């Protein structure tokens, strides 16, 4: 039984999941003016899973990721067809408020981008402006909770109000950005090459963190590291020239991918 409905010539493997998908992407195409960047992409995202997007540079991975929380809205000339539903509701429906939709997604970019404020303010700002906590004590508890979830609390607890986020090391900055993303209590974490610009030790901490977050979040991660995808992902989606060619359980994809392109990319023959 197929777990994702894909276009002709695209192959998927059963993921063995009983839960209803949190997100359904169907027949998704995206155009930058006359240039088509995504072609009839379709996949599901399930609760409490890590889905990794892999494929050569420029194949549509990040473009597809940004479709999930409507990050293309402000890009001039973009046209999107098909549908993306979250909890059964089309995210492009007229009644959808884009900022409220985006609160359900945490975003982590490749390059750490903490704000030039204190560590505390980086994490406290979002829940304060959105009214997610009732008082200062609850806000303090929430900031600590997010920093602990990001495996950062013990390293920064004595400098919360005196050190800016930009003064931290690269790996610490990325974990601060994850804590900031968690502060709005998202359902889904979108991570665009979160270990692409940090050292191996920091990478290990981020990978451990992704695995921990899976307990109560769906995680979608773009990665150029095949070993990272194999270590952390429950399922892997292979993109090629704007198409999603194949998606399935990680061990199946790495051991017996069906499409020639996926096998060649995973084995390092190109990309």
Foldseek 3Di string as FASTA:
>chain_A
DFQKDADPLFEEDDLPDDADFQKWFFQKWKDQAPRTQAGGATDTFHALFEEEEEEDPSQCQVVVLCVQLVVCVPPPRMDMDTFMDGNRHTCPDPVHDSVVSCLQEFEAEQFQDFDQAFLLCLQLVVCVVVVVDDDPVRSVVLLLVLCVLLVHCVVCVVRRHPDTLVPDDRLNSRSSSSSNSCSSPHQEYEYENNCNPDDPVSVVSVLVSLQSCSVRHTYYYYHHDLVSCLVRGQKYFYGGNNYGRYIYGSVCLLPPNPDPNSPCVSVPVDD
